[in-house]
Amino acid sequence: MFGDAFAGQTFRADFRDFGIGYTVVDKAKSELYEELEPRLNAGEVELLDVGKLQEQLLTLVWRGARIDHQPGDHDDYANACAGAVYLAAGARGHAIILSREALQQFATQMPQRNRFGRSAGMPNFPARQLGYR
């Protein structure tokens, strides 16, 4: 599993508790967004038809010297997309490709977070559903 360093060890610990390694990507999300835009414009990337993803990408703004979401908005889908494209483009030499069905199932079964940002635990998915063999 690759991700950002958001919330310190919180999410890394959640994945570790279920035996899933978590590697922090070596770029900030603003850098990932900057690298995504030319790939989108060049037609190298085709986005999934997911309304939240499209909305989040379209509403990103420059805030000082970085690209981010506007106050009160979210960028979870946009951040995940930019990170996945970065990895798939060969940043680490490999990528995991998930089916649309696996992504949707994962998104709908993500645990709710309490007011401290802690989850009740990760959903239990058989490896086959996540695209592993």
Protein backbone atom coordinates (compact mmCIF):
# COMPACT_ATOMS: atom_id res chain seq x y z
CA MET A 1 0.00 0.00 0.00
CA PHE A 2 1.29 3.45 -0.91
CA GLY A 3 -0.02 6.69 0.57
CA ASP A 4 0.87 10.05 2.01
CA ALA A 5 2.00 10.96 5.50
CA PHE A 6 -1.36 12.47 6.50
CA ALA A 7 -2.22 11.99 10.20
CA GLY A 8 1.22 10.70 11.17
CA GLN A 9 1.11 7.01 12.05
CA THR A 10 -2.69 6.75 12.30
CA PHE A 11 -3.44 5.20 8.92
CA ARG A 12 -0.16 3.33 8.68
CA ALA A 13 -0.97 1.65 11.98
CA ASP A 14 -4.48 0.75 10.75
CA PHE A 15 -3.04 -1.04 7.72
CA ARG A 16 -0.23 -2.63 9.75
CA ASP A 17 -2.84 -4.06 12.15
CA PHE A 18 -4.23 -6.01 9.19
CA GLY A 19 -0.84 -7.13 7.91
CA ILE A 20 -0.66 -4.61 5.08
CA GLY A 21 2.57 -2.68 4.58
CA TYR A 22 2.28 1.09 4.08
CA THR A 23 4.92 3.05 2.20
CA VAL A 24 4.83 6.84 2.20
CA VAL A 25 5.13 8.26 -1.33
CA ASP A 26 8.18 10.51 -1.78
CA LYS A 27 6.17 13.47 -3.14
CA ALA A 28 3.81 15.93 -1.52
CA LYS A 29 0.26 15.97 -2.85
CA SER A 30 0.84 19.37 -4.46
CA GLU A 31 3.71 17.87 -6.46
CA LEU A 32 1.50 14.93 -7.44
CA TYR A 33 -1.18 17.33 -8.68
CA GLU A 34 1.40 19.29 -10.68
CA GLU A 35 2.61 16.08 -12.34
CA LEU A 36 -0.94 14.88 -13.04
CA GLU A 37 -2.09 17.91 -15.02
CA PRO A 38 0.22 17.53 -18.05
CA ARG A 39 -0.59 13.80 -18.23
CA LEU A 40 -4.31 14.59 -18.29
CA ASN A 41 -3.85 17.33 -20.89
CA ALA A 42 -1.73 15.05 -23.09
CA GLY A 43 -4.37 12.30 -22.97
CA GLU A 44 -1.98 9.89 -21.24
CA VAL A 45 -4.52 9.33 -18.46
CA GLU A 46 -8.23 8.60 -18.71
CA LEU A 47 -10.15 9.27 -15.53
CA LEU A 48 -12.82 6.97 -14.18
CA ASP A 49 -16.33 8.35 -14.51
CA VAL A 50 -16.60 9.15 -10.80
CA GLY A 51 -18.30 12.43 -10.03
CA LYS A 52 -16.48 13.09 -6.75
CA LEU A 53 -13.10 12.56 -8.43
CA GLN A 54 -13.90 14.94 -11.26
CA GLU A 55 -15.34 17.56 -8.91
CA GLN A 56 -12.33 17.42 -6.60
CA LEU A 57 -9.85 17.73 -9.45
CA LEU A 58 -11.74 20.65 -10.97
CA THR A 59 -11.92 22.57 -7.70
CA LEU A 60 -8.23 22.35 -6.74
CA VAL A 61 -6.66 25.80 -6.33
CA TRP A 62 -3.28 27.37 -5.74
CA ARG A 63 -2.96 28.28 -2.07
CA GLY A 64 0.31 30.13 -1.71
CA ALA A 65 3.01 27.97 -3.24
CA ARG A 66 1.03 24.73 -3.28
CA ILE A 67 -2.02 23.19 -4.93
CA ASP A 68 -4.73 22.14 -2.49
CA HIS A 69 -8.47 21.95 -1.98
CA GLN A 70 -10.43 25.01 -0.94
CA PRO A 71 -11.34 25.45 2.73
CA GLY A 72 -14.23 23.16 3.58
CA ASP A 73 -13.71 20.97 0.50
CA HIS A 74 -12.04 17.57 0.28
CA ASP A 75 -9.43 16.07 -2.02
CA ASP A 76 -9.31 12.39 -1.03
CA TYR A 77 -10.29 11.11 -4.48
CA ALA A 78 -8.05 13.62 -6.28
CA ASN A 79 -5.09 12.78 -4.04
CA ALA A 80 -5.57 9.03 -4.54
CA CYS A 81 -5.86 9.50 -8.31
CA ALA A 82 -2.74 11.68 -8.55
CA GLY A 83 -0.78 9.21 -6.42
CA ALA A 84 -1.94 6.22 -8.46
CA VAL A 85 -0.97 7.91 -11.73
CA TYR A 86 2.42 8.81 -10.27
CA LEU A 87 3.06 5.19 -9.27
CA ALA A 88 1.64 3.75 -12.49
CA ALA A 89 3.92 6.06 -14.49
CA GLY A 90 6.86 4.17 -13.07
CA ALA A 91 7.88 6.21 -10.05
CA ARG A 92 8.57 3.04 -8.11
CA GLY A 93 8.87 0.66 -11.03
CA HIS A 94 5.56 -1.08 -10.34
CA ALA A 95 1.90 -0.45 -9.70
CA ILE A 96 -1.18 -2.29 -8.54
CA ILE A 97 -4.15 -1.99 -10.86
CA LEU A 98 -7.55 -2.41 -9.24
CA SER A 99 -10.77 -3.02 -11.08
CA ARG A 100 -13.52 -0.42 -10.93
CA GLU A 101 -15.66 -2.91 -9.00
CA ALA A 102 -12.95 -3.43 -6.37
CA LEU A 103 -12.48 0.32 -5.99
CA GLN A 104 -16.20 0.90 -5.58
CA GLN A 105 -16.53 -1.93 -3.08
CA PHE A 106 -13.58 -0.65 -1.10
CA ALA A 107 -14.94 2.92 -1.09
CA THR A 108 -18.40 1.87 0.08
CA GLN A 109 -17.06 -0.37 2.84
CA MET A 110 -14.48 1.99 4.31
CA PRO A 111 -14.98 2.30 8.05
CA GLN A 112 -16.44 5.43 9.52
CA ARG A 113 -14.03 7.64 11.43
CA ASN A 114 -14.70 8.95 14.89
CA ARG A 115 -14.15 12.57 15.86
CA PHE A 116 -10.45 11.88 16.46
CA GLY A 117 -9.91 10.54 12.95
CA ARG A 118 -9.47 6.93 14.08
CA SER A 119 -11.20 4.17 12.18
CA ALA A 120 -12.98 1.18 13.60
CA GLY A 121 -10.69 -0.94 11.41
CA MET A 122 -10.24 -1.78 7.77
CA PRO A 123 -12.87 -3.78 5.89
CA ASN A 124 -11.97 -7.39 5.25
CA PHE A 125 -11.44 -8.03 1.53
CA PRO A 126 -10.21 -11.28 0.05
CA ALA A 127 -6.97 -10.58 -1.83
CA ARG A 128 -8.58 -11.69 -5.11
CA GLN A 129 -11.12 -8.84 -4.94
CA LEU A 130 -8.33 -6.30 -4.64
CA GLY A 131 -6.63 -7.52 -7.80
CA TYR A 132 -3.86 -9.56 -6.16
CA ARG A 133 -3.23 -13.09 -7.36
